[in-house]
PDB file of N, CA and C in Angstrom:
ATOM      1  N   UNK A   1       0.825  -1.189   0.000  1.00  0.00           N
ATOM      2  CA  UNK A   1       0.000   0.000   0.000  1.00  0.00           C
ATOM      3  C   UNK A   1       0.872   1.256   0.000  1.00  0.00           C
ATOM      4  N   UNK A   2       1.990   1.203   0.719  1.00  0.00           N
ATOM      5  CA  UNK A   2       2.863   2.375   0.761  1.00  0.00           C
ATOM      6  C   UNK A   2       3.404   2.707  -0.627  1.00  0.00           C
ATOM      7  N   UNK A   3       3.651   1.681  -1.430  1.00  0.00           N
ATOM      8  CA  UNK A   3       4.160   1.913  -2.772  1.00  0.00           C
ATOM      9  C   UNK A   3       3.169   2.652  -3.650  1.00  0.00           C
ATOM     10  N   UNK A   4       1.887   2.353  -3.469  1.00  0.00           N
ATOM     11  CA  UNK A   4       0.860   3.044  -4.257  1.00  0.00           C
ATOM     12  C   UNK A   4       0.805   4.515  -3.863  1.00  0.00           C
ATOM     13  N   UNK A   5       0.866   4.814  -2.552  1.00  0.00           N
ATOM     14  CA  UNK A   5       0.839   6.208  -2.114  1.00  0.00           C
ATOM     15  C   UNK A   5       2.055   6.964  -2.619  1.00  0.00           C
ATOM     16  N   UNK A   6       3.219   6.293  -2.613  1.00  0.00           N
ATOM     17  CA  UNK A   6       4.425   6.925  -3.134  1.00  0.00           C
ATOM     18  C   UNK A   6       4.269   7.196  -4.627  1.00  0.00           C
ATOM     19  N   UNK A   7       3.694   6.233  -5.353  1.00  0.00           N
ATOM     20  CA  UNK A   7       3.459   6.424  -6.776  1.00  0.00           C
ATOM     21  C   UNK A   7       2.509   7.579  -7.039  1.00  0.00           C
ATOM     22  N   UNK A   8       1.463   7.690  -6.236  1.00  0.00           N
ATOM     23  CA  UNK A   8       0.511   8.797  -6.402  1.00  0.00           C
ATOM     24  C   UNK A   8       1.192  10.130  -6.117  1.00  0.00           C
ATOM     25  N   UNK A   9       1.980  10.177  -5.069  1.00  0.00           N
ATOM     26  CA  UNK A   9       2.696  11.418  -4.743  1.00  0.00           C
ATOM     27  C   UNK A   9       3.636  11.817  -5.870  1.00  0.00           C
ATOM     28  N   UNK A  10       4.349  10.843  -6.419  1.00  0.00           N
ATOM     29  CA  UNK A  10       5.259  11.129  -7.534  1.00  0.00           C
ATOM     30  C   UNK A  10       4.486  11.541  -8.786  1.00  0.00           C
ATOM     31  N   UNK A  11       3.304  10.960  -8.991  1.00  0.00           N
ATOM     32  CA  UNK A  11       2.464  11.320 -10.134  1.00  0.00           C
ATOM     33  C   UNK A  11       1.972  12.763 -10.007  1.00  0.00           C
ATOM     34  N   UNK A  12       1.624  13.183  -8.796  1.00  0.00           N
ATOM     35  CA  UNK A  12       1.071  14.521  -8.589  1.00  0.00           C
ATOM     36  C   UNK A  12       2.140  15.612  -8.521  1.00  0.00           C
ATOM     37  N   UNK A  13       3.373  15.255  -8.238  1.00  0.00           N
ATOM     38  CA  UNK A  13       4.401  16.280  -8.019  1.00  0.00           C
ATOM     39  C   UNK A  13       4.638  17.197  -9.223  1.00  0.00           C
ATOM     40  N   UNK A  14       4.598  16.736 -10.479  1.00  0.00           N
ATOM     41  CA  UNK A  14       4.805  17.681 -11.590  1.00  0.00           C
ATOM     42  C   UNK A  14       3.707  18.747 -11.702  1.00  0.00           C
ATOM     43  N   UNK A  15       2.554  18.481 -11.115  1.00  0.00           N
ATOM     44  CA  UNK A  15       1.450  19.443 -11.208  1.00  0.00           C
ATOM     45  C   UNK A  15       1.586  20.579 -10.197  1.00  0.00           C
ATOM     46  N   UNK A  16       2.544  20.466  -9.274  1.00  0.00           N
ATOM     47  CA  UNK A  16       2.835  21.502  -8.274  1.00  0.00           C
ATOM     48  C   UNK A  16       1.603  21.914  -7.485  1.00  0.00           C
ATOM     49  N   UNK A  17       0.916  20.949  -6.969  1.00  0.00           N
ATOM     50  CA  UNK A  17      -0.275  21.221  -6.170  1.00  0.00           C
ATOM     51  C   UNK A  17      -1.529  21.049  -6.999  1.00  0.00           C
ATOM     52  N   UNK A  18      -2.496  20.433  -6.400  1.00  0.00           N
ATOM     53  CA  UNK A  18      -3.757  20.155  -7.080  1.00  0.00           C
ATOM     54  C   UNK A  18      -4.876  20.698  -6.204  1.00  0.00           C
ATOM     55  N   UNK A  19      -5.792  21.418  -6.808  1.00  0.00           N
ATOM     56  CA  UNK A  19      -6.942  21.931  -6.071  1.00  0.00           C
ATOM     57  C   UNK A  19      -7.778  20.752  -5.576  1.00  0.00           C
ATOM     58  N   UNK A  20      -8.254  20.824  -4.344  1.00  0.00           N
ATOM     59  CA  UNK A  20      -8.974  19.685  -3.764  1.00  0.00           C
ATOM     60  C   UNK A  20     -10.247  19.358  -4.537  1.00  0.00           C
ATOM     61  N   UNK A  21     -10.778  20.308  -5.269  1.00  0.00           N
ATOM     62  CA  UNK A  21     -11.970  20.061  -6.085  1.00  0.00           C
ATOM     63  C   UNK A  21     -11.671  19.070  -7.210  1.00  0.00           C
ATOM     64  N   UNK A  22     -10.426  19.090  -7.712  1.00  0.00           N
ATOM     65  CA  UNK A  22     -10.048  18.237  -8.836  1.00  0.00           C
ATOM     66  C   UNK A  22      -9.201  17.037  -8.430  1.00  0.00           C
ATOM     67  N   UNK A  23      -8.929  16.891  -7.145  1.00  0.00           N
ATOM     68  CA  UNK A  23      -8.052  15.817  -6.685  1.00  0.00           C
ATOM     69  C   UNK A  23      -8.582  14.445  -7.077  1.00  0.00           C
ATOM     70  N   UNK A  24      -9.874  14.223  -6.958  1.00  0.00           N
ATOM     71  CA  UNK A  24     -10.450  12.912  -7.294  1.00  0.00           C
ATOM     72  C   UNK A  24     -10.205  12.561  -8.763  1.00  0.00           C
ATOM     73  N   UNK A  25     -10.226  13.561  -9.641  1.00  0.00           N
ATOM     74  CA  UNK A  25      -9.983  13.299 -11.059  1.00  0.00           C
ATOM     75  C   UNK A  25      -8.527  12.927 -11.307  1.00  0.00           C
ATOM     76  N   UNK A  26      -7.602  13.585 -10.616  1.00  0.00           N
ATOM     77  CA  UNK A  26      -6.189  13.238 -10.749  1.00  0.00           C
ATOM     78  C   UNK A  26      -5.929  11.838 -10.199  1.00  0.00           C
ATOM     79  N   UNK A  27      -6.565  11.509  -9.074  1.00  0.00           N
ATOM     80  CA  UNK A  27      -6.405  10.173  -8.500  1.00  0.00           C
ATOM     81  C   UNK A  27      -6.970   9.126  -9.444  1.00  0.00           C
ATOM     82  N   UNK A  28      -8.090   9.425 -10.097  1.00  0.00           N
ATOM     83  CA  UNK A  28      -8.667   8.485 -11.067  1.00  0.00           C
ATOM     84  C   UNK A  28      -7.721   8.280 -12.247  1.00  0.00           C
ATOM     85  N   UNK A  29      -7.056   9.350 -12.711  1.00  0.00           N
ATOM     86  CA  UNK A  29      -6.080   9.206 -13.795  1.00  0.00           C
ATOM     87  C   UNK A  29      -4.924   8.321 -13.358  1.00  0.00           C
ATOM     88  N   UNK A  30      -4.432   8.525 -12.131  1.00  0.00           N
ATOM     89  CA  UNK A  30      -3.336   7.703 -11.626  1.00  0.00           C
ATOM     90  C   UNK A  30      -3.778   6.252 -11.492  1.00  0.00           C
ATOM     91  N   UNK A  31      -4.983   6.038 -10.951  1.00  0.00           N
ATOM     92  CA  UNK A  31      -5.496   4.678 -10.771  1.00  0.00           C
ATOM     93  C   UNK A  31      -5.597   3.956 -12.105  1.00  0.00           C
ATOM     94  N   UNK A  32      -6.092   4.656 -13.128  1.00  0.00           N
ATOM     95  CA  UNK A  32      -6.214   4.060 -14.453  1.00  0.00           C
ATOM     96  C   UNK A  32      -4.842   3.691 -15.001  1.00  0.00           C
ATOM     97  N   UNK A  33      -3.882   4.612 -14.871  1.00  0.00           N
ATOM     98  CA  UNK A  33      -2.539   4.350 -15.374  1.00  0.00           C
ATOM     99  C   UNK A  33      -1.855   3.240 -14.583  1.00  0.00           C
ATOM    100  N   UNK A  34      -2.095   3.194 -13.284  1.00  0.00           N
ATOM    101  CA  UNK A  34      -1.489   2.159 -12.437  1.00  0.00           C
ATOM    102  C   UNK A  34      -2.044   0.774 -12.773  1.00  0.00           C
ATOM    103  N   UNK A  35      -3.326   0.702 -13.066  1.00  0.00           N
ATOM    104  CA  UNK A  35      -3.963  -0.584 -13.367  1.00  0.00           C
ATOM    105  C   UNK A  35      -3.674  -1.066 -14.786  1.00  0.00           C
ATOM    106  N   UNK A  36      -3.228  -0.173 -15.645  1.00  0.00           N
ATOM    107  CA  UNK A  36      -2.899  -0.543 -17.012  1.00  0.00           C
ATOM    108  C   UNK A  36      -1.589  -1.321 -17.009  1.00  0.00           C
ATOM    109  N   UNK A  37      -1.644  -2.570 -17.363  1.00  0.00           N
ATOM    110  CA  UNK A  37      -0.462  -3.416 -17.266  1.00  0.00           C
ATOM    111  C   UNK A  37       0.427  -3.348 -18.498  1.00  0.00           C
ATOM    112  N   UNK A  38      -0.163  -3.104 -19.645  1.00  0.00           N
ATOM    113  CA  UNK A  38       0.642  -3.002 -20.855  1.00  0.00           C
ATOM    114  C   UNK A  38      -0.076  -2.121 -21.868  1.00  0.00           C
ATOM    115  N   UNK A  39       0.687  -1.568 -22.763  1.00  0.00           N
ATOM    116  CA  UNK A  39       0.122  -0.703 -23.790  1.00  0.00           C
ATOM    117  C   UNK A  39      -0.281  -1.569 -24.975  1.00  0.00           C
ATOM    118  N   UNK A  40      -1.555  -1.523 -25.307  1.00  0.00           N
ATOM    119  CA  UNK A  40      -2.085  -2.315 -26.411  1.00  0.00           C
ATOM    120  C   UNK A  40      -2.539  -1.384 -27.531  1.00  0.00           C
ATOM    121  N   UNK A  41      -2.862  -1.976 -28.683  1.00  0.00           N
ATOM    122  CA  UNK A  41      -3.381  -1.178 -29.794  1.00  0.00           C
ATOM    123  C   UNK A  41      -4.683  -0.495 -29.409  1.00  0.00           C
ATOM    124  N   UNK A  42      -5.531  -1.209 -28.676  1.00  0.00           N
ATOM    125  CA  UNK A  42      -6.812  -0.631 -28.245  1.00  0.00           C
ATOM    126  C   UNK A  42      -6.575   0.592 -27.362  1.00  0.00           C
ATOM    127  N   UNK A  43      -5.632   0.492 -26.445  1.00  0.00           N
ATOM    128  CA  UNK A  43      -5.306   1.608 -25.562  1.00  0.00           C
ATOM    129  C   UNK A  43      -4.875   2.836 -26.368  1.00  0.00           C
ATOM    130  N   UNK A  44      -4.020   2.644 -27.359  1.00  0.00           N
ATOM    131  CA  UNK A  44      -3.556   3.761 -28.169  1.00  0.00           C
ATOM    132  C   UNK A  44      -4.688   4.367 -28.995  1.00  0.00           C
ATOM    133  N   UNK A  45      -5.608   3.540 -29.483  1.00  0.00           N
ATOM    134  CA  UNK A  45      -6.757   4.062 -30.231  1.00  0.00           C
ATOM    135  C   UNK A  45      -7.645   4.905 -29.337  1.00  0.00           C
ATOM    136  N   UNK A  46      -7.851   4.463 -28.102  1.00  0.00           N
ATOM    137  CA  UNK A  46      -8.689   5.223 -27.163  1.00  0.00           C
ATOM    138  C   UNK A  46      -8.061   6.583 -26.875  1.00  0.00           C
ATOM    139  N   UNK A  47      -6.750   6.642 -26.764  1.00  0.00           N
ATOM    140  CA  UNK A  47      -6.090   7.916 -26.514  1.00  0.00           C
ATOM    141  C   UNK A  47      -6.202   8.867 -27.704  1.00  0.00           C
ATOM    142  N   UNK A  48      -6.216   8.337 -28.913  1.00  0.00           N
ATOM    143  CA  UNK A  48      -6.258   9.172 -30.117  1.00  0.00           C
ATOM    144  C   UNK A  48      -7.632   9.734 -30.412  1.00  0.00           C
ATOM    145  N   UNK A  49      -8.679   9.000 -30.088  1.00  0.00           N
ATOM    146  CA  UNK A  49     -10.046   9.399 -30.464  1.00  0.00           C
ATOM    147  C   UNK A  49     -10.617  10.330 -29.398  1.00  0.00           C
ATOM    148  N   UNK A  50     -10.985  11.566 -29.780  1.00  0.00           N
ATOM    149  CA  UNK A  50     -11.590  12.462 -28.799  1.00  0.00           C
ATOM    150  C   UNK A  50     -12.965  11.966 -28.369  1.00  0.00           C
ATOM    151  N   UNK A  51     -13.259  12.112 -27.114  1.00  0.00           N
ATOM    152  CA  UNK A  51     -14.517  11.619 -26.551  1.00  0.00           C
ATOM    153  C   UNK A  51     -15.522  12.742 -26.299  1.00  0.00           C
ATOM    154  N   UNK A  52     -15.485  13.786 -27.066  1.00  0.00           N
ATOM    155  CA  UNK A  52     -16.419  14.878 -26.851  1.00  0.00           C
ATOM    156  C   UNK A  52     -17.448  14.891 -27.991  1.00  0.00           C
ATOM    157  N   UNK A  53     -18.564  15.520 -27.712  1.00  0.00           N
ATOM    158  CA  UNK A  53     -19.666  15.588 -28.668  1.00  0.00           C
ATOM    159  C   UNK A  53     -19.851  17.050 -29.056  1.00  0.00           C
ATOM    160  N   UNK A  54     -19.904  17.319 -30.349  1.00  0.00           N
ATOM    161  CA  UNK A  54     -20.167  18.672 -30.831  1.00  0.00           C
ATOM    162  C   UNK A  54     -21.664  18.830 -31.011  1.00  0.00           C
ATOM    163  N   UNK A  55     -22.251  19.672 -30.221  1.00  0.00           N
ATOM    164  CA  UNK A  55     -23.687  19.910 -30.305  1.00  0.00           C
ATOM    165  C   UNK A  55     -23.951  21.079 -31.258  1.00  0.00           C
ATOM    166  N   UNK A  56     -25.002  20.991 -32.053  1.00  0.00           N
ATOM    167  CA  UNK A  56     -25.325  22.119 -32.938  1.00  0.00           C
ATOM    168  C   UNK A  56     -25.745  23.339 -32.125  1.00  0.00           C
ATOM    169  N   UNK A  57     -25.357  24.513 -32.612  1.00  0.00           N
ATOM    170  CA  UNK A  57     -25.717  25.737 -31.888  1.00  0.00           C
ATOM    171  C   UNK A  57     -26.811  26.492 -32.591  1.00  0.00           C
TER     172      UNK A  57
END
């Protein structure tokens, strides 16, 4: 467990402080990256494809 906390601290350090409102989102990003065991083609495709929807105005 200590290793995970150290990994999270090291993950957050380049951001030079995170607002507590957004901390859960940063932790979710770290959790996702930590649980990812290997880089696959599917993973790279997901990173390339934007997940936003353009609504007509």
